[in-house]
């Protein structure tokens, strides 16, 4: 059991390390249209790294738009997670002749309208069996264990870093990396669509990596 937890933690630390590498910081630069098109095509082919790139690059655009409309951080974050969940499910329908940002904002607007119509009731987006299977096939790119990275990390400090995340992000990190739950199991536990879980976990890892990076500066 201890070895299993240690192995999961090691993989998690390696993923966090990869998030800190310089090539992930290009998201703050002006995006190249050709590069964007390439990432979208890769996402349509099921590339996990392409999904990660699009999520990191456009999260602030969608979240900022919703924050202005709702003036509520939690609600804006929830709608943004649902937006990317739906966008990744429907990525095959995106027409490259149009703006990707506009497409995401349109999805976000529709989700917000639905929530207003339902008097801010919690919306659980429904996916077909085909969609669930498609999401399940997109697995995380888990690299090998890096001994040097493990030695440099302090478990006590890492747990303190995790506590800086919002509760719903702490929850998915705990379920995935410490309890070793599958995406399907987490979706069942949280009563959320699997794609929502994937987006939430990607965002949680990104935020945690930023906390670790700021501490190591």
N, C-alpha and C. Protein backbone atom coordinates (compact mmCIF):
# COMPACT_ATOMS: atom_id res chain seq x y z
N UNK A 1 0.83 -1.20 0.00
CA UNK A 1 0.00 0.00 0.00
C UNK A 1 0.87 1.25 0.00
N UNK A 2 1.90 1.26 0.89
CA UNK A 2 2.80 2.42 0.97
C UNK A 2 3.54 2.62 -0.33
N UNK A 3 4.00 1.50 -0.92
CA UNK A 3 4.72 1.58 -2.19
C UNK A 3 3.82 2.12 -3.28
N UNK A 4 2.56 1.67 -3.26
CA UNK A 4 1.59 2.11 -4.28
C UNK A 4 1.36 3.60 -4.18
N UNK A 5 1.17 4.11 -2.95
CA UNK A 5 0.95 5.54 -2.76
C UNK A 5 2.18 6.33 -3.19
N UNK A 6 3.37 5.80 -2.83
CA UNK A 6 4.62 6.47 -3.17
C UNK A 6 4.79 6.55 -4.68
N UNK A 7 4.42 5.46 -5.38
CA UNK A 7 4.54 5.45 -6.84
C UNK A 7 3.60 6.48 -7.46
N UNK A 8 2.35 6.56 -6.96
CA UNK A 8 1.39 7.52 -7.48
C UNK A 8 1.86 8.94 -7.23
N UNK A 9 2.40 9.18 -6.04
CA UNK A 9 2.90 10.50 -5.69
C UNK A 9 4.08 10.87 -6.57
N UNK A 10 4.92 9.89 -6.85
CA UNK A 10 6.09 10.14 -7.70
C UNK A 10 5.65 10.57 -9.09
N UNK A 11 4.66 9.85 -9.64
CA UNK A 11 4.15 10.21 -10.96
C UNK A 11 3.55 11.60 -10.95
N UNK A 12 2.84 11.91 -9.86
CA UNK A 12 2.22 13.23 -9.75
C UNK A 12 3.27 14.33 -9.71
N UNK A 13 4.35 14.11 -8.95
CA UNK A 13 5.41 15.10 -8.84
C UNK A 13 6.08 15.31 -10.19
N UNK A 14 6.23 14.23 -10.94
CA UNK A 14 6.84 14.33 -12.25
C UNK A 14 5.97 15.17 -13.18
N UNK A 15 4.64 14.95 -13.11
CA UNK A 15 3.72 15.73 -13.92
C UNK A 15 3.81 17.20 -13.54
N UNK A 16 3.88 17.47 -12.22
CA UNK A 16 3.99 18.86 -11.76
C UNK A 16 5.27 19.49 -12.29
N UNK A 17 6.35 18.71 -12.28
CA UNK A 17 7.64 19.20 -12.76
C UNK A 17 7.54 19.59 -14.23
N UNK A 18 6.86 18.75 -15.02
CA UNK A 18 6.74 19.03 -16.44
C UNK A 18 5.95 20.31 -16.68
N UNK A 19 4.98 20.59 -15.82
CA UNK A 19 4.20 21.81 -15.95
C UNK A 19 5.06 23.05 -15.74
N UNK A 20 6.19 22.89 -15.02
CA UNK A 20 7.02 24.04 -14.70
C UNK A 20 8.06 24.33 -15.77
N UNK A 21 8.19 23.46 -16.75
CA UNK A 21 9.21 23.66 -17.76
C UNK A 21 8.89 24.85 -18.64
N UNK A 22 9.91 25.52 -19.20
CA UNK A 22 9.74 26.75 -19.99
C UNK A 22 8.73 26.66 -21.11
N UNK A 23 8.63 25.48 -21.78
CA UNK A 23 7.76 25.43 -22.96
C UNK A 23 6.30 25.59 -22.60
N UNK A 24 5.92 25.47 -21.34
CA UNK A 24 4.53 25.67 -20.95
C UNK A 24 4.22 27.15 -20.76
N UNK A 25 5.22 27.99 -20.72
CA UNK A 25 5.00 29.39 -20.46
C UNK A 25 4.70 30.18 -21.72
N UNK A 26 4.70 29.52 -22.85
CA UNK A 26 4.44 30.20 -24.11
C UNK A 26 2.99 30.64 -24.22
N UNK A 27 2.12 30.15 -23.31
CA UNK A 27 0.71 30.48 -23.39
C UNK A 27 0.46 31.98 -23.18
N UNK A 28 1.41 32.68 -22.57
CA UNK A 28 1.23 34.10 -22.32
C UNK A 28 1.57 34.93 -23.56
N UNK A 29 2.17 34.31 -24.56
CA UNK A 29 2.56 35.01 -25.77
C UNK A 29 1.41 35.01 -26.77
N UNK A 30 1.52 35.89 -27.76
CA UNK A 30 0.51 35.93 -28.82
C UNK A 30 0.52 34.61 -29.56
N UNK A 31 -0.64 34.02 -29.71
CA UNK A 31 -0.70 32.70 -30.33
C UNK A 31 -0.59 32.80 -31.84
N UNK A 32 0.17 31.88 -32.42
CA UNK A 32 0.34 31.82 -33.86
C UNK A 32 -0.84 31.05 -34.45
N UNK A 33 -1.56 31.64 -35.44
CA UNK A 33 -2.73 30.98 -36.03
C UNK A 33 -2.44 29.57 -36.54
N UNK A 34 -1.27 29.39 -37.14
CA UNK A 34 -0.91 28.08 -37.65
C UNK A 34 -0.69 27.08 -36.51
N UNK A 35 -0.09 27.57 -35.43
CA UNK A 35 0.14 26.71 -34.27
C UNK A 35 -1.19 26.32 -33.63
N UNK A 36 -2.12 27.29 -33.55
CA UNK A 36 -3.43 27.02 -32.99
C UNK A 36 -4.16 25.96 -33.81
N UNK A 37 -4.14 26.13 -35.13
CA UNK A 37 -4.81 25.17 -36.00
C UNK A 37 -4.23 23.77 -35.82
N UNK A 38 -2.91 23.72 -35.67
CA UNK A 38 -2.24 22.44 -35.47
C UNK A 38 -2.70 21.79 -34.17
N UNK A 39 -2.80 22.59 -33.10
CA UNK A 39 -3.23 22.07 -31.81
C UNK A 39 -4.68 21.58 -31.86
N UNK A 40 -5.52 22.32 -32.58
CA UNK A 40 -6.92 21.94 -32.70
C UNK A 40 -7.04 20.61 -33.44
N UNK A 41 -6.27 20.47 -34.52
CA UNK A 41 -6.30 19.22 -35.28
C UNK A 41 -5.80 18.06 -34.43
N UNK A 42 -4.77 18.32 -33.62
CA UNK A 42 -4.24 17.28 -32.74
C UNK A 42 -5.29 16.90 -31.69
N UNK A 43 -6.01 17.91 -31.19
CA UNK A 43 -7.06 17.65 -30.20
C UNK A 43 -8.17 16.80 -30.83
N UNK A 44 -8.49 17.09 -32.08
CA UNK A 44 -9.52 16.31 -32.77
C UNK A 44 -9.10 14.85 -32.92
N UNK A 45 -7.79 14.63 -32.93
CA UNK A 45 -7.26 13.27 -33.04
C UNK A 45 -7.03 12.64 -31.68
N UNK A 46 -7.45 13.35 -30.61
CA UNK A 46 -7.37 12.77 -29.27
C UNK A 46 -6.09 13.03 -28.51
N UNK A 47 -5.30 14.03 -28.93
CA UNK A 47 -4.04 14.32 -28.24
C UNK A 47 -4.27 14.97 -26.89
N UNK A 48 -3.77 14.33 -25.82
CA UNK A 48 -3.91 14.87 -24.47
C UNK A 48 -3.14 16.19 -24.33
N UNK A 49 -1.93 16.26 -24.88
CA UNK A 49 -1.13 17.47 -24.75
C UNK A 49 -1.80 18.65 -25.46
N UNK A 50 -2.51 18.38 -26.55
CA UNK A 50 -3.22 19.44 -27.27
C UNK A 50 -4.39 19.95 -26.43
N UNK A 51 -5.10 19.04 -25.77
CA UNK A 51 -6.18 19.45 -24.87
C UNK A 51 -5.62 20.32 -23.75
N UNK A 52 -4.49 19.89 -23.19
CA UNK A 52 -3.86 20.66 -22.11
C UNK A 52 -3.51 22.07 -22.59
N UNK A 53 -2.95 22.15 -23.78
CA UNK A 53 -2.53 23.43 -24.34
C UNK A 53 -3.73 24.37 -24.50
N UNK A 54 -4.80 23.86 -25.09
CA UNK A 54 -5.99 24.69 -25.33
C UNK A 54 -6.63 25.13 -24.02
N UNK A 55 -6.65 24.23 -23.04
CA UNK A 55 -7.21 24.58 -21.73
C UNK A 55 -6.40 25.69 -21.08
N UNK A 56 -5.08 25.54 -21.06
CA UNK A 56 -4.22 26.55 -20.44
C UNK A 56 -4.29 27.88 -21.18
N UNK A 57 -4.31 27.81 -22.50
CA UNK A 57 -4.27 29.02 -23.32
C UNK A 57 -5.57 29.84 -23.22
N UNK A 58 -6.71 29.16 -23.15
CA UNK A 58 -7.99 29.87 -23.23
C UNK A 58 -8.79 29.91 -21.93
N UNK A 59 -8.25 29.33 -20.86
CA UNK A 59 -8.98 29.34 -19.59
C UNK A 59 -9.32 30.76 -19.14
N UNK A 60 -8.34 31.65 -19.13
CA UNK A 60 -8.56 33.02 -18.65
C UNK A 60 -9.57 33.78 -19.50
N UNK A 61 -9.61 33.50 -20.80
CA UNK A 61 -10.57 34.18 -21.68
C UNK A 61 -12.01 33.84 -21.28
N UNK A 62 -12.26 32.55 -21.09
CA UNK A 62 -13.62 32.11 -20.74
C UNK A 62 -13.96 32.50 -19.31
N UNK A 63 -13.02 32.26 -18.40
CA UNK A 63 -13.27 32.58 -16.99
C UNK A 63 -13.50 34.08 -16.80
N UNK A 64 -12.67 34.91 -17.46
CA UNK A 64 -12.82 36.36 -17.35
C UNK A 64 -14.16 36.83 -17.88
N UNK A 65 -14.59 36.24 -18.98
CA UNK A 65 -15.89 36.59 -19.57
C UNK A 65 -17.02 36.28 -18.60
N UNK A 66 -16.97 35.10 -17.99
CA UNK A 66 -18.03 34.70 -17.07
C UNK A 66 -17.99 35.48 -15.76
N UNK A 67 -16.80 35.85 -15.32
CA UNK A 67 -16.68 36.60 -14.07
C UNK A 67 -17.36 37.96 -14.21
N UNK A 68 -17.26 38.56 -15.39
CA UNK A 68 -17.92 39.85 -15.63
C UNK A 68 -19.44 39.69 -15.62
N UNK A 69 -19.92 38.54 -16.08
CA UNK A 69 -21.36 38.32 -16.16
C UNK A 69 -21.95 37.91 -14.81
N UNK A 70 -21.27 37.01 -14.12
CA UNK A 70 -21.84 36.46 -12.88
C UNK A 70 -21.38 37.18 -11.62
N UNK A 71 -20.19 37.81 -11.69
CA UNK A 71 -19.59 38.46 -10.52
C UNK A 71 -19.48 37.49 -9.34
N UNK A 72 -19.27 36.23 -9.69
CA UNK A 72 -19.16 35.19 -8.67
C UNK A 72 -18.05 34.23 -9.11
N UNK A 73 -16.97 34.14 -8.32
CA UNK A 73 -15.82 33.33 -8.71
C UNK A 73 -16.17 31.85 -8.85
N UNK A 74 -16.90 31.32 -7.87
CA UNK A 74 -17.22 29.89 -7.90
C UNK A 74 -18.09 29.55 -9.10
N UNK A 75 -19.11 30.36 -9.34
CA UNK A 75 -20.00 30.11 -10.47
C UNK A 75 -19.26 30.24 -11.80
N UNK A 76 -18.38 31.25 -11.89
CA UNK A 76 -17.61 31.45 -13.12
C UNK A 76 -16.69 30.26 -13.38
N UNK A 77 -16.08 29.76 -12.33
CA UNK A 77 -15.17 28.62 -12.46
C UNK A 77 -15.94 27.37 -12.89
N UNK A 78 -17.11 27.18 -12.29
CA UNK A 78 -17.93 26.02 -12.61
C UNK A 78 -18.37 26.05 -14.07
N UNK A 79 -18.80 27.22 -14.54
CA UNK A 79 -19.23 27.36 -15.94
C UNK A 79 -18.05 27.16 -16.88
N UNK A 80 -16.87 27.66 -16.49
CA UNK A 80 -15.69 27.50 -17.34
C UNK A 80 -15.30 26.04 -17.47
N UNK A 81 -15.38 25.30 -16.37
CA UNK A 81 -15.09 23.86 -16.42
C UNK A 81 -16.07 23.16 -17.35
N UNK A 82 -17.35 23.50 -17.23
CA UNK A 82 -18.36 22.90 -18.09
C UNK A 82 -18.15 23.29 -19.55
N UNK A 83 -17.69 24.52 -19.77
CA UNK A 83 -17.45 24.99 -21.14
C UNK A 83 -16.39 24.14 -21.83
N UNK A 84 -15.26 23.93 -21.15
CA UNK A 84 -14.19 23.13 -21.76
C UNK A 84 -14.59 21.66 -21.85
N UNK A 85 -15.37 21.19 -20.89
CA UNK A 85 -15.87 19.82 -20.95
C UNK A 85 -16.69 19.61 -22.21
N UNK A 86 -17.61 20.53 -22.46
CA UNK A 86 -18.47 20.42 -23.65
C UNK A 86 -17.66 20.65 -24.92
N UNK A 87 -16.73 21.60 -24.88
CA UNK A 87 -15.92 21.89 -26.06
C UNK A 87 -15.07 20.69 -26.45
N UNK A 88 -14.48 20.01 -25.47
CA UNK A 88 -13.65 18.84 -25.78
C UNK A 88 -14.50 17.69 -26.29
N UNK A 89 -15.73 17.59 -25.80
CA UNK A 89 -16.63 16.55 -26.30
C UNK A 89 -17.03 16.81 -27.75
N UNK A 90 -17.16 18.11 -28.09
CA UNK A 90 -17.65 18.50 -29.41
C UNK A 90 -16.56 19.08 -30.31
N UNK A 91 -15.30 18.84 -29.97
CA UNK A 91 -14.19 19.44 -30.72
C UNK A 91 -14.24 19.08 -32.20
N UNK A 92 -14.80 17.91 -32.52
CA UNK A 92 -14.89 17.49 -33.93
C UNK A 92 -15.79 18.40 -34.74
N UNK A 93 -16.69 19.12 -34.07
CA UNK A 93 -17.65 19.97 -34.79
C UNK A 93 -17.10 21.38 -35.03
N UNK A 94 -15.95 21.70 -34.46
CA UNK A 94 -15.41 23.05 -34.63
C UNK A 94 -14.97 23.29 -36.06
N UNK A 95 -15.40 24.42 -36.62
CA UNK A 95 -15.05 24.82 -37.99
C UNK A 95 -13.83 25.74 -37.92
N UNK A 96 -12.72 25.32 -38.51
CA UNK A 96 -11.47 26.07 -38.43
C UNK A 96 -11.54 27.43 -39.12
N UNK A 97 -12.61 27.69 -39.87
CA UNK A 97 -12.76 28.99 -40.53
C UNK A 97 -13.22 30.08 -39.57
N UNK A 98 -13.59 29.68 -38.36
CA UNK A 98 -14.08 30.63 -37.37
C UNK A 98 -13.10 30.74 -36.20
N UNK A 99 -13.32 31.75 -35.36
CA UNK A 99 -12.45 31.98 -34.21
C UNK A 99 -12.71 30.94 -33.11
N UNK A 100 -11.64 30.35 -32.60
CA UNK A 100 -11.77 29.36 -31.53
C UNK A 100 -12.26 30.03 -30.25
N UNK A 101 -11.78 31.25 -29.99
CA UNK A 101 -12.21 31.98 -28.81
C UNK A 101 -13.71 32.26 -28.86
N UNK A 102 -14.19 32.70 -30.02
CA UNK A 102 -15.61 32.99 -30.20
C UNK A 102 -16.44 31.74 -29.98
N UNK A 103 -15.94 30.62 -30.48
CA UNK A 103 -16.64 29.33 -30.32
C UNK A 103 -16.76 28.96 -28.85
N UNK A 104 -15.67 29.12 -28.10
CA UNK A 104 -15.69 28.81 -26.67
C UNK A 104 -16.63 29.73 -25.91
N UNK A 105 -16.58 31.02 -26.24
CA UNK A 105 -17.44 31.99 -25.55
C UNK A 105 -18.91 31.70 -25.84
N UNK A 106 -19.21 31.28 -27.07
CA UNK A 106 -20.59 30.95 -27.43
C UNK A 106 -21.09 29.77 -26.59
N UNK A 107 -20.24 28.76 -26.42
CA UNK A 107 -20.60 27.61 -25.59
C UNK A 107 -20.82 28.08 -24.15
N UNK A 108 -19.91 28.93 -23.68
CA UNK A 108 -19.99 29.45 -22.32
C UNK A 108 -21.28 30.24 -22.10
N UNK A 109 -21.64 31.07 -23.08
CA UNK A 109 -22.88 31.86 -22.99
C UNK A 109 -24.10 30.95 -22.86
N UNK A 110 -24.13 29.91 -23.67
CA UNK A 110 -25.28 29.00 -23.65
C UNK A 110 -25.42 28.28 -22.31
N UNK A 111 -24.28 27.89 -21.74
CA UNK A 111 -24.31 27.23 -20.44
C UNK A 111 -24.83 28.19 -19.37
N UNK A 112 -24.38 29.44 -19.44
CA UNK A 112 -24.83 30.44 -18.47
C UNK A 112 -26.33 30.70 -18.61
N UNK A 113 -26.80 30.79 -19.85
CA UNK A 113 -28.22 31.01 -20.10
C UNK A 113 -29.04 29.85 -19.51
N UNK A 114 -28.55 28.63 -19.71
CA UNK A 114 -29.24 27.45 -19.17
C UNK A 114 -29.33 27.53 -17.64
N UNK A 115 -28.24 27.98 -17.02
CA UNK A 115 -28.22 28.07 -15.56
C UNK A 115 -29.19 29.13 -15.06
N UNK A 116 -29.25 30.25 -15.78
CA UNK A 116 -30.18 31.31 -15.39
C UNK A 116 -31.62 30.81 -15.51
N UNK A 117 -31.90 30.11 -16.60
CA UNK A 117 -33.25 29.58 -16.82
C UNK A 117 -33.65 28.59 -15.74
N UNK A 118 -32.68 27.88 -15.23
CA UNK A 118 -32.97 26.88 -14.20
C UNK A 118 -32.73 27.45 -12.80
N UNK A 119 -32.70 28.78 -12.73
CA UNK A 119 -32.56 29.49 -11.45
C UNK A 119 -31.32 29.05 -10.70
N UNK A 120 -30.21 29.02 -11.44
CA UNK A 120 -28.90 28.71 -10.86
C UNK A 120 -28.81 27.32 -10.25
N UNK A 121 -29.71 26.41 -10.68
CA UNK A 121 -29.62 25.03 -10.20
C UNK A 121 -28.36 24.40 -10.77
N UNK A 122 -27.79 23.46 -10.06
CA UNK A 122 -26.58 22.80 -10.52
C UNK A 122 -26.89 21.99 -11.76
N UNK A 123 -26.13 22.25 -12.82
CA UNK A 123 -26.36 21.57 -14.09
C UNK A 123 -25.33 20.46 -14.28
N UNK A 124 -25.82 19.31 -14.54
CA UNK A 124 -24.94 18.18 -14.83
C UNK A 124 -25.06 17.87 -16.32
N UNK A 125 -24.07 18.31 -17.10
CA UNK A 125 -24.15 18.09 -18.54
C UNK A 125 -24.14 16.60 -18.83
N UNK A 126 -24.97 16.19 -19.78
CA UNK A 126 -25.12 14.78 -20.11
C UNK A 126 -24.28 14.43 -21.33
N UNK A 127 -23.65 13.29 -21.26
CA UNK A 127 -22.87 12.82 -22.40
C UNK A 127 -23.38 11.45 -22.80
N UNK A 128 -23.24 11.15 -24.07
CA UNK A 128 -23.68 9.85 -24.56
C UNK A 128 -22.66 8.79 -24.18
N UNK A 129 -23.04 7.52 -24.36
CA UNK A 129 -22.12 6.43 -24.06
C UNK A 129 -20.88 6.56 -24.93
N UNK A 130 -21.08 6.99 -26.18
CA UNK A 130 -19.96 7.17 -27.09
C UNK A 130 -19.00 8.23 -26.56
N UNK A 131 -19.56 9.35 -26.06
CA UNK A 131 -18.73 10.42 -25.52
C UNK A 131 -17.94 9.94 -24.32
N UNK A 132 -18.60 9.19 -23.42
CA UNK A 132 -17.92 8.69 -22.23
C UNK A 132 -16.76 7.79 -22.61
N UNK A 133 -16.99 6.91 -23.60
CA UNK A 133 -15.93 6.00 -24.03
C UNK A 133 -14.79 6.78 -24.66
N UNK A 134 -15.13 7.82 -25.42
CA UNK A 134 -14.11 8.63 -26.08
C UNK A 134 -13.23 9.33 -25.05
N UNK A 135 -13.86 9.88 -24.01
CA UNK A 135 -13.12 10.55 -22.95
C UNK A 135 -12.22 9.57 -22.23
N UNK A 136 -12.75 8.38 -21.96
CA UNK A 136 -11.99 7.38 -21.20
C UNK A 136 -10.75 6.94 -21.96
N UNK A 137 -10.82 7.01 -23.30
CA UNK A 137 -9.68 6.58 -24.11
C UNK A 137 -8.54 7.59 -24.07
N UNK A 138 -8.83 8.85 -23.72
CA UNK A 138 -7.80 9.88 -23.67
C UNK A 138 -7.12 9.80 -22.31
N UNK A 139 -6.06 9.07 -22.23
CA UNK A 139 -5.38 8.86 -20.95
C UNK A 139 -4.28 9.88 -20.74
N UNK A 140 -3.93 10.11 -19.48
CA UNK A 140 -2.84 11.02 -19.16
C UNK A 140 -1.52 10.46 -19.66
N UNK A 141 -0.64 11.35 -20.10
CA UNK A 141 0.69 10.94 -20.51
C UNK A 141 1.56 10.89 -19.26
N UNK A 142 1.64 9.73 -18.64
CA UNK A 142 2.38 9.59 -17.39
C UNK A 142 3.83 9.23 -17.68
N UNK A 143 4.78 10.12 -17.39
CA UNK A 143 6.20 9.84 -17.65
C UNK A 143 6.76 8.88 -16.61
N UNK A 144 7.99 8.42 -16.84
CA UNK A 144 8.63 7.53 -15.89
C UNK A 144 9.03 8.27 -14.62
N UNK A 145 9.35 7.50 -13.58
CA UNK A 145 9.74 8.09 -12.30
C UNK A 145 11.13 8.71 -12.41
N UNK A 146 11.27 9.92 -11.94
CA UNK A 146 12.56 10.61 -11.96
C UNK A 146 13.07 10.72 -10.53
N UNK A 147 14.10 9.93 -10.23
CA UNK A 147 14.61 9.86 -8.86
C UNK A 147 15.04 11.22 -8.31
N UNK A 148 15.70 12.00 -9.16
CA UNK A 148 16.20 13.30 -8.70
C UNK A 148 15.05 14.19 -8.26
N UNK A 149 13.96 14.19 -9.04
CA UNK A 149 12.81 15.03 -8.72
C UNK A 149 12.20 14.60 -7.39
N UNK A 150 12.08 13.30 -7.18
CA UNK A 150 11.48 12.79 -5.94
C UNK A 150 12.29 13.22 -4.73
N UNK A 151 13.63 13.15 -4.85
CA UNK A 151 14.50 13.52 -3.73
C UNK A 151 14.40 15.00 -3.39
N UNK A 152 14.13 15.82 -4.41
CA UNK A 152 14.07 17.26 -4.20
C UNK A 152 12.76 17.71 -3.56
N UNK A 153 11.72 16.86 -3.67
CA UNK A 153 10.42 17.24 -3.16
C UNK A 153 10.25 16.81 -1.70
N UNK A 154 9.51 17.61 -0.97
CA UNK A 154 9.22 17.32 0.42
C UNK A 154 7.73 17.06 0.56
N UNK A 155 7.37 15.85 1.01
CA UNK A 155 5.97 15.47 1.07
C UNK A 155 5.15 16.41 1.95
N UNK A 156 5.71 16.79 3.09
CA UNK A 156 4.99 17.67 4.01
C UNK A 156 4.70 19.01 3.33
N UNK A 157 5.69 19.54 2.59
CA UNK A 157 5.50 20.81 1.91
C UNK A 157 4.49 20.67 0.77
N UNK A 158 4.55 19.54 0.07
CA UNK A 158 3.62 19.31 -1.03
C UNK A 158 2.18 19.29 -0.52
N UNK A 159 1.95 18.62 0.60
CA UNK A 159 0.61 18.57 1.17
C UNK A 159 0.14 19.96 1.58
N UNK A 160 1.09 20.78 2.07
CA UNK A 160 0.75 22.16 2.44
C UNK A 160 0.39 22.95 1.19
N UNK A 161 1.10 22.68 0.08
CA UNK A 161 0.80 23.36 -1.19
C UNK A 161 -0.60 22.98 -1.67
N UNK A 162 -0.93 21.70 -1.56
CA UNK A 162 -2.24 21.23 -2.01
C UNK A 162 -3.36 21.91 -1.23
N UNK A 163 -3.12 22.17 0.06
CA UNK A 163 -4.13 22.82 0.90
C UNK A 163 -4.42 24.25 0.47
N UNK A 164 -3.54 24.83 -0.36
CA UNK A 164 -3.77 26.19 -0.85
C UNK A 164 -4.78 26.21 -2.00
N UNK A 165 -5.07 25.04 -2.55
CA UNK A 165 -6.05 24.95 -3.63
C UNK A 165 -7.46 25.05 -3.07
N UNK A 166 -8.40 25.41 -3.92
CA UNK A 166 -9.80 25.43 -3.50
C UNK A 166 -10.24 23.99 -3.21
N UNK A 167 -11.20 23.82 -2.30
CA UNK A 167 -11.63 22.48 -1.87
C UNK A 167 -11.94 21.50 -3.00
N UNK A 168 -12.63 21.96 -4.05
CA UNK A 168 -13.00 21.02 -5.11
C UNK A 168 -11.79 20.56 -5.91
N UNK A 169 -10.72 21.38 -5.94
CA UNK A 169 -9.49 20.96 -6.60
C UNK A 169 -8.71 20.00 -5.69
N UNK A 170 -8.71 20.27 -4.40
CA UNK A 170 -8.07 19.36 -3.45
C UNK A 170 -8.70 17.97 -3.55
N UNK A 171 -10.00 17.96 -3.71
CA UNK A 171 -10.74 16.70 -3.74
C UNK A 171 -10.33 15.83 -4.92
N UNK A 172 -10.24 16.41 -6.12
CA UNK A 172 -9.89 15.59 -7.29
C UNK A 172 -8.43 15.15 -7.24
N UNK A 173 -7.55 16.00 -6.69
CA UNK A 173 -6.14 15.62 -6.53
C UNK A 173 -6.03 14.43 -5.59
N UNK A 174 -6.75 14.49 -4.48
CA UNK A 174 -6.73 13.41 -3.50
C UNK A 174 -7.27 12.11 -4.09
N UNK A 175 -8.39 12.20 -4.78
CA UNK A 175 -9.01 11.00 -5.36
C UNK A 175 -8.12 10.36 -6.43
N UNK A 176 -7.51 11.19 -7.25
CA UNK A 176 -6.73 10.68 -8.37
C UNK A 176 -5.35 10.16 -7.95
N UNK A 177 -4.63 10.93 -7.16
CA UNK A 177 -3.23 10.60 -6.90
C UNK A 177 -2.96 9.92 -5.57
N UNK A 178 -3.82 10.10 -4.60
CA UNK A 178 -3.59 9.46 -3.31
C UNK A 178 -4.50 8.24 -3.11
N UNK A 179 -5.72 8.32 -3.61
CA UNK A 179 -6.61 7.17 -3.53
C UNK A 179 -6.57 6.32 -4.80
N UNK A 180 -5.85 6.81 -5.81
CA UNK A 180 -5.63 6.09 -7.07
C UNK A 180 -6.94 5.69 -7.77
N UNK A 181 -7.90 6.59 -7.76
CA UNK A 181 -9.17 6.34 -8.43
C UNK A 181 -9.05 6.62 -9.92
N UNK A 182 -9.78 5.87 -10.72
CA UNK A 182 -9.81 6.11 -12.16
C UNK A 182 -10.74 7.29 -12.43
N UNK A 183 -10.68 7.82 -13.65
CA UNK A 183 -11.57 8.92 -14.00
C UNK A 183 -13.02 8.49 -13.86
N UNK A 184 -13.30 7.27 -14.26
CA UNK A 184 -14.67 6.77 -14.18
C UNK A 184 -15.14 6.69 -12.73
N UNK A 185 -14.25 6.25 -11.85
CA UNK A 185 -14.60 6.15 -10.43
C UNK A 185 -14.81 7.54 -9.81
N UNK A 186 -13.94 8.48 -10.19
CA UNK A 186 -14.07 9.85 -9.66
C UNK A 186 -15.37 10.47 -10.13
N UNK A 187 -15.70 10.26 -11.41
CA UNK A 187 -16.94 10.80 -11.96
C UNK A 187 -18.14 10.26 -11.19
N UNK A 188 -18.08 8.98 -10.83
CA UNK A 188 -19.16 8.36 -10.07
C UNK A 188 -19.24 8.92 -8.65
N UNK A 189 -18.09 9.08 -8.01
CA UNK A 189 -18.05 9.61 -6.64
C UNK A 189 -18.56 11.04 -6.58
N UNK A 190 -18.15 11.86 -7.55
CA UNK A 190 -18.54 13.27 -7.57
C UNK A 190 -19.88 13.51 -8.25
N UNK A 191 -20.39 12.45 -8.89
CA UNK A 191 -21.64 12.57 -9.65
C UNK A 191 -21.53 13.65 -10.73
N UNK A 192 -20.42 13.60 -11.46
CA UNK A 192 -20.16 14.55 -12.53
C UNK A 192 -19.76 13.79 -13.79
N UNK A 193 -19.98 14.39 -14.97
CA UNK A 193 -19.53 13.77 -16.22
C UNK A 193 -18.02 13.59 -16.20
N UNK A 194 -17.53 12.57 -16.85
CA UNK A 194 -16.11 12.28 -16.84
C UNK A 194 -15.27 13.41 -17.43
N UNK A 195 -15.80 14.08 -18.45
CA UNK A 195 -15.05 15.17 -19.05
C UNK A 195 -14.89 16.34 -18.08
N UNK A 196 -15.91 16.59 -17.25
CA UNK A 196 -15.79 17.62 -16.22
C UNK A 196 -14.65 17.29 -15.27
N UNK A 197 -14.56 16.01 -14.92
CA UNK A 197 -13.51 15.55 -14.01
C UNK A 197 -12.14 15.78 -14.63
N UNK A 198 -11.99 15.45 -15.91
CA UNK A 198 -10.70 15.62 -16.58
C UNK A 198 -10.28 17.08 -16.61
N UNK A 199 -11.22 17.96 -16.96
CA UNK A 199 -10.91 19.39 -17.02
C UNK A 199 -10.55 19.92 -15.63
N UNK A 200 -11.32 19.51 -14.64
CA UNK A 200 -11.07 19.97 -13.26
C UNK A 200 -9.70 19.50 -12.77
N UNK A 201 -9.34 18.26 -13.11
CA UNK A 201 -8.05 17.73 -12.69
C UNK A 201 -6.89 18.42 -13.40
N UNK A 202 -7.05 18.68 -14.68
CA UNK A 202 -6.01 19.40 -15.43
C UNK A 202 -5.79 20.79 -14.83
N UNK A 203 -6.89 21.45 -14.50
CA UNK A 203 -6.79 22.79 -13.91
C UNK A 203 -6.15 22.73 -12.54
N UNK A 204 -6.50 21.72 -11.75
CA UNK A 204 -5.93 21.57 -10.41
C UNK A 204 -4.42 21.37 -10.48
N UNK A 205 -3.96 20.53 -11.41
CA UNK A 205 -2.52 20.29 -11.56
C UNK A 205 -1.79 21.56 -11.99
N UNK A 206 -2.43 22.32 -12.86
CA UNK A 206 -1.82 23.57 -13.34
C UNK A 206 -1.65 24.55 -12.18
N UNK A 207 -2.69 24.72 -11.38
CA UNK A 207 -2.64 25.67 -10.26
C UNK A 207 -1.63 25.22 -9.20
N UNK A 208 -1.59 23.92 -8.94
CA UNK A 208 -0.65 23.40 -7.96
C UNK A 208 0.79 23.60 -8.43
N UNK A 209 1.02 23.39 -9.72
CA UNK A 209 2.35 23.59 -10.27
C UNK A 209 2.79 25.05 -10.11
N UNK A 210 1.85 25.97 -10.28
CA UNK A 210 2.17 27.40 -10.12
C UNK A 210 2.53 27.72 -8.67
N UNK A 211 1.84 27.06 -7.73
CA UNK A 211 2.15 27.26 -6.31
C UNK A 211 3.56 26.77 -6.00
N UNK A 212 3.88 25.58 -6.53
CA UNK A 212 5.22 25.01 -6.31
C UNK A 212 6.28 25.90 -6.93
N UNK A 213 6.00 26.40 -8.13
CA UNK A 213 6.96 27.25 -8.83
C UNK A 213 7.22 28.54 -8.06
N UNK A 214 6.16 29.17 -7.55
CA UNK A 214 6.32 30.43 -6.82
C UNK A 214 7.09 30.21 -5.52
N UNK A 215 6.93 29.04 -4.93
CA UNK A 215 7.65 28.73 -3.69
C UNK A 215 9.13 28.50 -3.95
N UNK A 216 9.46 27.99 -5.13
CA UNK A 216 10.85 27.66 -5.45
C UNK A 216 11.63 28.82 -6.06
N UNK A 217 10.95 29.95 -6.29
CA UNK A 217 11.64 31.11 -6.88
C UNK A 217 12.62 31.70 -5.88
